Amino acid sequence: MTIPITELERAINYWRSRRPSQGEERRLCPEAAALAEPYAALILHRRTEIAYEALTAAARAAFEAWRAEGDSPP
């Protein structure tokens, strides 16, 4: 399965709305931070999708939790 960059972005925004950035450094919550790494890699390499298997365990967990909340496309 591949994940489009748009879905990663939606998942990051979901986590940012549920758990806003904190501290003076405005650090992301762990879920958004885990998803931000593959998102940044896609941008850096000018790609539009990533293989699900390429995500770290933390990123997979955050992505699956987002999908389970019903905020993802069918």
N, C-alpha and C. Protein backbone atom coordinates (compact mmCIF):
# COMPACT_ATOMS: atom_id res chain seq x y z
N MET A 1 0.85 -1.17 0.00
CA MET A 1 0.00 0.00 0.00
C MET A 1 0.90 1.24 0.00
N THR A 2 0.48 2.22 -0.77
CA THR A 2 1.20 3.50 -0.77
C THR A 2 0.31 4.57 -0.16
N ILE A 3 0.95 5.56 0.43
CA ILE A 3 0.23 6.66 1.09
C ILE A 3 0.58 7.94 0.35
N PRO A 4 -0.43 8.62 -0.19
CA PRO A 4 -0.17 9.90 -0.87
C PRO A 4 0.25 10.97 0.14
N ILE A 5 1.03 11.90 -0.33
CA ILE A 5 1.49 13.00 0.52
C ILE A 5 0.31 13.77 1.10
N THR A 6 -0.78 13.85 0.36
CA THR A 6 -1.95 14.58 0.85
C THR A 6 -2.56 13.91 2.09
N GLU A 7 -2.51 12.58 2.14
CA GLU A 7 -3.02 11.88 3.33
C GLU A 7 -2.09 12.09 4.52
N LEU A 8 -0.78 12.08 4.27
CA LEU A 8 0.15 12.36 5.37
C LEU A 8 -0.12 13.76 5.92
N GLU A 9 -0.33 14.71 5.03
CA GLU A 9 -0.59 16.07 5.46
C GLU A 9 -1.87 16.16 6.27
N ARG A 10 -2.91 15.48 5.83
CA ARG A 10 -4.18 15.48 6.57
C ARG A 10 -4.00 14.86 7.95
N ALA A 11 -3.24 13.77 8.02
CA ALA A 11 -3.00 13.12 9.31
C ALA A 11 -2.20 14.03 10.24
N ILE A 12 -1.20 14.70 9.72
CA ILE A 12 -0.42 15.65 10.53
C ILE A 12 -1.32 16.76 11.04
N ASN A 13 -2.14 17.32 10.17
CA ASN A 13 -3.04 18.40 10.59
C ASN A 13 -4.06 17.93 11.62
N TYR A 14 -4.51 16.69 11.47
CA TYR A 14 -5.42 16.11 12.46
C TYR A 14 -4.76 16.09 13.84
N TRP A 15 -3.54 15.56 13.90
CA TRP A 15 -2.84 15.48 15.18
C TRP A 15 -2.52 16.86 15.72
N ARG A 16 -2.18 17.80 14.86
CA ARG A 16 -1.88 19.16 15.31
C ARG A 16 -3.13 19.83 15.89
N SER A 17 -4.30 19.51 15.36
CA SER A 17 -5.52 20.11 15.91
C SER A 17 -5.92 19.43 17.22
N ARG A 18 -5.65 18.16 17.33
CA ARG A 18 -5.97 17.44 18.57
C ARG A 18 -4.98 17.72 19.68
N ARG A 19 -3.71 17.86 19.31
CA ARG A 19 -2.65 18.07 20.30
C ARG A 19 -1.72 19.17 19.78
N PRO A 20 -2.11 20.43 19.99
CA PRO A 20 -1.34 21.57 19.45
C PRO A 20 0.12 21.58 19.91
N SER A 21 0.93 22.29 19.14
CA SER A 21 2.35 22.45 19.46
C SER A 21 2.49 23.05 20.85
N GLN A 22 3.60 22.69 21.51
CA GLN A 22 3.79 23.15 22.88
C GLN A 22 5.15 23.79 23.07
N GLY A 23 5.26 24.56 24.14
CA GLY A 23 6.52 25.16 24.52
C GLY A 23 6.90 26.33 23.63
N GLU A 24 7.94 27.01 24.05
CA GLU A 24 8.43 28.15 23.27
C GLU A 24 8.94 27.71 21.91
N GLU A 25 9.46 26.48 21.83
CA GLU A 25 9.98 25.99 20.56
C GLU A 25 8.87 25.45 19.65
N ARG A 26 7.63 25.43 20.17
CA ARG A 26 6.46 24.98 19.40
C ARG A 26 6.66 23.57 18.85
N ARG A 27 7.12 22.67 19.70
CA ARG A 27 7.37 21.29 19.25
C ARG A 27 6.06 20.56 18.96
N LEU A 28 6.12 19.72 17.96
CA LEU A 28 4.96 18.92 17.57
C LEU A 28 4.72 17.81 18.57
N CYS A 29 3.47 17.36 18.66
CA CYS A 29 3.17 16.19 19.47
C CYS A 29 3.88 14.98 18.84
N PRO A 30 4.08 13.91 19.60
CA PRO A 30 4.81 12.75 19.05
C PRO A 30 4.21 12.18 17.77
N GLU A 31 2.89 12.16 17.67
CA GLU A 31 2.24 11.61 16.48
C GLU A 31 2.52 12.46 15.24
N ALA A 32 2.35 13.77 15.37
CA ALA A 32 2.61 14.66 14.24
C ALA A 32 4.09 14.64 13.87
N ALA A 33 4.94 14.59 14.88
CA ALA A 33 6.39 14.55 14.62
C ALA A 33 6.78 13.28 13.86
N ALA A 34 6.18 12.16 14.23
CA ALA A 34 6.50 10.89 13.55
C ALA A 34 6.07 10.94 12.08
N LEU A 35 4.96 11.59 11.80
CA LEU A 35 4.48 11.70 10.42
C LEU A 35 5.20 12.79 9.64
N ALA A 36 5.72 13.79 10.34
CA ALA A 36 6.40 14.90 9.68
C ALA A 36 7.70 14.45 9.01
N GLU A 37 8.36 13.45 9.57
CA GLU A 37 9.62 12.98 8.97
C GLU A 37 9.42 12.41 7.57
N PRO A 38 8.49 11.45 7.38
CA PRO A 38 8.30 10.96 6.00
C PRO A 38 7.71 12.02 5.09
N TYR A 39 6.89 12.92 5.64
CA TYR A 39 6.33 14.02 4.85
C TYR A 39 7.45 14.90 4.31
N ALA A 40 8.39 15.26 5.16
CA ALA A 40 9.53 16.08 4.74
C ALA A 40 10.38 15.34 3.71
N ALA A 41 10.57 14.04 3.91
CA ALA A 41 11.36 13.26 2.95
C ALA A 41 10.70 13.26 1.57
N LEU A 42 9.38 13.16 1.54
CA LEU A 42 8.68 13.20 0.25
C LEU A 42 8.91 14.53 -0.44
N ILE A 43 8.82 15.61 0.32
CA ILE A 43 9.04 16.93 -0.26
C ILE A 43 10.48 17.06 -0.76
N LEU A 44 11.42 16.65 0.07
CA LEU A 44 12.84 16.75 -0.28
C LEU A 44 13.16 15.99 -1.57
N HIS A 45 12.57 14.80 -1.71
CA HIS A 45 12.85 13.96 -2.87
C HIS A 45 11.85 14.15 -4.01
N ARG A 46 10.99 15.14 -3.84
CA ARG A 46 9.98 15.47 -4.86
C ARG A 46 9.14 14.26 -5.27
N ARG A 47 8.67 13.55 -4.24
CA ARG A 47 7.81 12.40 -4.47
C ARG A 47 6.42 12.72 -3.97
N THR A 48 5.44 11.99 -4.45
CA THR A 48 4.06 12.26 -4.06
C THR A 48 3.43 11.16 -3.22
N GLU A 49 4.17 10.07 -2.99
CA GLU A 49 3.64 8.98 -2.17
C GLU A 49 4.79 8.18 -1.56
N ILE A 50 4.44 7.45 -0.49
CA ILE A 50 5.42 6.64 0.21
C ILE A 50 4.81 5.28 0.50
N ALA A 51 5.61 4.26 0.49
CA ALA A 51 5.13 2.92 0.83
C ALA A 51 4.84 2.86 2.33
N TYR A 52 3.73 2.28 2.68
CA TYR A 52 3.34 2.14 4.08
C TYR A 52 4.46 1.46 4.88
N GLU A 53 5.09 0.47 4.28
CA GLU A 53 6.15 -0.29 4.94
C GLU A 53 7.39 0.56 5.24
N ALA A 54 7.52 1.69 4.54
CA ALA A 54 8.68 2.57 4.74
C ALA A 54 8.52 3.45 5.98
N LEU A 55 7.30 3.52 6.53
CA LEU A 55 7.07 4.32 7.72
C LEU A 55 7.65 3.63 8.95
N THR A 56 8.09 4.42 9.91
CA THR A 56 8.53 3.86 11.18
C THR A 56 7.32 3.33 11.94
N ALA A 57 7.57 2.55 12.96
CA ALA A 57 6.47 2.02 13.78
C ALA A 57 5.64 3.16 14.37
N ALA A 58 6.30 4.22 14.83
CA ALA A 58 5.59 5.36 15.41
C ALA A 58 4.72 6.06 14.37
N ALA A 59 5.24 6.22 13.16
CA ALA A 59 4.48 6.86 12.09
C ALA A 59 3.30 6.00 11.68
N ARG A 60 3.51 4.69 11.60
CA ARG A 60 2.40 3.78 11.27
C ARG A 60 1.30 3.86 12.32
N ALA A 61 1.70 3.86 13.59
CA ALA A 61 0.71 3.93 14.68
C ALA A 61 -0.08 5.23 14.60
N ALA A 62 0.59 6.35 14.36
CA ALA A 62 -0.09 7.64 14.26
C ALA A 62 -1.02 7.66 13.05
N PHE A 63 -0.57 7.11 11.92
CA PHE A 63 -1.37 7.08 10.72
C PHE A 63 -2.61 6.21 10.92
N GLU A 64 -2.43 5.04 11.50
CA GLU A 64 -3.55 4.12 11.73
C GLU A 64 -4.55 4.70 12.73
N ALA A 65 -4.05 5.39 13.75
CA ALA A 65 -4.96 6.02 14.72
C ALA A 65 -5.78 7.10 14.05
N TRP A 66 -5.15 7.88 13.17
CA TRP A 66 -5.87 8.90 12.41
C TRP A 66 -6.96 8.24 11.55
N ARG A 67 -6.61 7.18 10.88
CA ARG A 67 -7.60 6.49 10.02
C ARG A 67 -8.74 5.92 10.85
N ALA A 68 -8.43 5.40 12.02
CA ALA A 68 -9.46 4.81 12.89
C ALA A 68 -10.45 5.85 13.40
N GLU A 69 -10.00 7.10 13.49
CA GLU A 69 -10.87 8.18 13.95
C GLU A 69 -11.90 8.56 12.89
N GLY A 70 -11.73 8.06 11.69
CA GLY A 70 -12.71 8.34 10.64
C GLY A 70 -12.46 9.62 9.88
N ASP A 71 -11.28 10.22 10.03
CA ASP A 71 -10.97 11.46 9.34
C ASP A 71 -10.30 11.20 7.99
N SER A 72 -10.11 9.95 7.65
CA SER A 72 -9.42 9.62 6.40
C SER A 72 -10.43 9.22 5.33
N PRO A 73 -10.01 9.27 4.08
CA PRO A 73 -10.90 8.83 3.01
C PRO A 73 -11.11 7.33 3.08
N PRO A 74 -12.21 6.83 2.53
CA PRO A 74 -12.48 5.38 2.58
C PRO A 74 -11.45 4.56 1.85
